[in-house]
Amino acid sequence: MFKIIIPKAAFKELEKIDLQNQKLVYTKIRDLEKGLFETDKSLKGKHKGKFRKRAGDYRIVYLKENDILVITLIRIAHKKEVY
């Protein structure tokens, strides 16, 4: 199990999403907590070292810290505006 940290800014972005997509994002966050990363992609360029998880039309951008099993959510936004 991983510990998930959701900063205030990411939580506010999540609150702006409609309820159906919020549920999907929460499901994907629980997947992160369980360590299900196999379909996630690593980001490149200025976001190198971060990963993204698909949640329908939304993306969860996160940073995984292997040593202490902590995942920090960076951003939750629509795929058009996340990068």
C-alpha atoms as a PDB file:
ATOM      1  CA  MET A   1       0.000   0.000   0.000  1.00  0.00           C
ATOM      2  CA  PHE A   2       1.111   3.512  -0.815  1.00  0.00           C
ATOM      3  CA  LYS A   3       0.246   6.640   1.107  1.00  0.00           C
ATOM      4  CA  ILE A   4      -1.502   9.214  -1.102  1.00  0.00           C
ATOM      5  CA  ILE A   5      -0.979  12.928  -0.455  1.00  0.00           C
ATOM      6  CA  ILE A   6      -3.493  15.250  -2.092  1.00  0.00           C
ATOM      7  CA  PRO A   7      -2.419  18.908  -1.877  1.00  0.00           C
ATOM      8  CA  LYS A   8      -5.103  21.542  -1.447  1.00  0.00           C
ATOM      9  CA  ALA A   9      -4.715  22.768  -5.057  1.00  0.00           C
ATOM     10  CA  ALA A  10      -5.276  19.261  -6.494  1.00  0.00           C
ATOM     11  CA  PHE A  11      -8.271  18.737  -4.200  1.00  0.00           C
ATOM     12  CA  LYS A  12      -9.814  22.018  -5.412  1.00  0.00           C
ATOM     13  CA  GLU A  13      -9.372  20.904  -9.028  1.00  0.00           C
ATOM     14  CA  LEU A  14     -11.118  17.655  -8.156  1.00  0.00           C
ATOM     15  CA  GLU A  15     -14.055  19.514  -6.591  1.00  0.00           C
ATOM     16  CA  LYS A  16     -14.669  21.364  -9.889  1.00  0.00           C
ATOM     17  CA  ILE A  17     -15.219  18.109 -11.814  1.00  0.00           C
ATOM     18  CA  ASP A  18     -18.736  16.709 -12.274  1.00  0.00           C
ATOM     19  CA  LEU A  19     -19.807  13.964  -9.859  1.00  0.00           C
ATOM     20  CA  GLN A  20     -19.561  11.049 -12.299  1.00  0.00           C
ATOM     21  CA  ASN A  21     -15.959  11.896 -13.219  1.00  0.00           C
ATOM     22  CA  GLN A  22     -15.114  12.563  -9.557  1.00  0.00           C
ATOM     23  CA  LYS A  23     -16.098   8.978  -8.750  1.00  0.00           C
ATOM     24  CA  LEU A  24     -13.903   7.711 -11.582  1.00  0.00           C
ATOM     25  CA  VAL A  25     -10.949   9.799 -10.376  1.00  0.00           C
ATOM     26  CA  TYR A  26     -11.414   8.523  -6.806  1.00  0.00           C
ATOM     27  CA  THR A  27     -11.399   4.951  -8.141  1.00  0.00           C
ATOM     28  CA  LYS A  28      -8.119   5.634  -9.958  1.00  0.00           C
ATOM     29  CA  ILE A  29      -6.634   7.218  -6.829  1.00  0.00           C
ATOM     30  CA  ARG A  30      -7.526   4.049  -4.893  1.00  0.00           C
ATOM     31  CA  ASP A  31      -5.731   2.076  -7.640  1.00  0.00           C
ATOM     32  CA  LEU A  32      -2.640   4.210  -7.008  1.00  0.00           C
ATOM     33  CA  GLU A  33      -2.924   3.500  -3.302  1.00  0.00           C
ATOM     34  CA  LYS A  34      -2.950  -0.245  -4.072  1.00  0.00           C
ATOM     35  CA  GLY A  35       0.148   0.109  -6.269  1.00  0.00           C
ATOM     36  CA  LEU A  36      -1.531  -0.442  -9.653  1.00  0.00           C
ATOM     37  CA  PHE A  37       0.815   1.516 -11.948  1.00  0.00           C
ATOM     38  CA  GLU A  38       1.212  -0.804 -14.965  1.00  0.00           C
ATOM     39  CA  THR A  39      -0.843   1.296 -17.428  1.00  0.00           C
ATOM     40  CA  ASP A  40       0.520   4.659 -16.259  1.00  0.00           C
ATOM     41  CA  LYS A  41       2.877   6.622 -18.471  1.00  0.00           C
ATOM     42  CA  SER A  42       5.946   8.557 -17.433  1.00  0.00           C
ATOM     43  CA  LEU A  43       5.999  12.158 -18.575  1.00  0.00           C
ATOM     44  CA  LYS A  44       8.764  13.825 -20.543  1.00  0.00           C
ATOM     45  CA  GLY A  45      10.262  17.289 -20.879  1.00  0.00           C
ATOM     46  CA  LYS A  46       9.667  19.688 -18.001  1.00  0.00           C
ATOM     47  CA  HIS A  47       7.492  17.055 -16.277  1.00  0.00           C
ATOM     48  CA  LYS A  48      10.188  14.365 -16.341  1.00  0.00           C
ATOM     49  CA  GLY A  49      10.034  12.137 -13.255  1.00  0.00           C
ATOM     50  CA  LYS A  50       6.253  12.453 -12.930  1.00  0.00           C
ATOM     51  CA  PHE A  51       3.613  10.009 -14.107  1.00  0.00           C
ATOM     52  CA  ARG A  52       0.075  10.240 -15.389  1.00  0.00           C
ATOM     53  CA  LYS A  53      -2.923   8.007 -14.872  1.00  0.00           C
ATOM     54  CA  ARG A  54      -5.947   8.141 -17.171  1.00  0.00           C
ATOM     55  CA  ALA A  55      -9.367   8.661 -15.635  1.00  0.00           C
ATOM     56  CA  GLY A  56     -11.708   9.013 -18.618  1.00  0.00           C
ATOM     57  CA  ASP A  57     -11.145  12.469 -20.099  1.00  0.00           C
ATOM     58  CA  TYR A  58      -9.163  13.515 -17.023  1.00  0.00           C
ATOM     59  CA  ARG A  59      -5.557  12.923 -16.076  1.00  0.00           C
ATOM     60  CA  ILE A  60      -4.043  12.459 -12.642  1.00  0.00           C
ATOM     61  CA  VAL A  61      -0.447  13.682 -12.595  1.00  0.00           C
ATOM     62  CA  TYR A  62       1.562  12.312  -9.698  1.00  0.00           C
ATOM     63  CA  LEU A  63       5.053  11.889  -8.302  1.00  0.00           C
ATOM     64  CA  LYS A  64       6.024   8.508  -6.863  1.00  0.00           C
ATOM     65  CA  GLU A  65       8.658   8.443  -4.139  1.00  0.00           C
ATOM     66  CA  ASN A  66       9.859   4.828  -4.078  1.00  0.00           C
ATOM     67  CA  ASP A  67      11.878   4.920  -0.877  1.00  0.00           C
ATOM     68  CA  ILE A  68       9.004   5.781   1.439  1.00  0.00           C
ATOM     69  CA  LEU A  69       6.011   4.567  -0.611  1.00  0.00           C
ATOM     70  CA  VAL A  70       4.403   7.994  -0.935  1.00  0.00           C
ATOM     71  CA  ILE A  71       2.519   9.287  -3.948  1.00  0.00           C
ATOM     72  CA  THR A  72       1.905  13.029  -4.206  1.00  0.00           C
ATOM     73  CA  LEU A  73      -0.834  14.102  -6.584  1.00  0.00           C
ATOM     74  CA  ILE A  74       0.318  17.120  -8.538  1.00  0.00           C
ATOM     75  CA  ARG A  75      -2.666  17.909 -10.727  1.00  0.00           C
ATOM     76  CA  ILE A  76      -6.109  16.610 -11.662  1.00  0.00           C
ATOM     77  CA  ALA A  77      -7.449  18.251 -14.804  1.00  0.00           C
ATOM     78  CA  HIS A  78      -9.094  17.656 -18.169  1.00  0.00           C
ATOM     79  CA  LYS A  79      -6.721  16.166 -20.731  1.00  0.00           C
ATOM     80  CA  LYS A  80      -6.842  19.398 -22.785  1.00  0.00           C
ATOM     81  CA  GLU A  81      -5.459  21.516 -19.964  1.00  0.00           C
ATOM     82  CA  VAL A  82      -3.378  19.230 -17.743  1.00  0.00           C
ATOM     83  CA  TYR A  83       0.039  19.689 -19.389  1.00  0.00           C
END
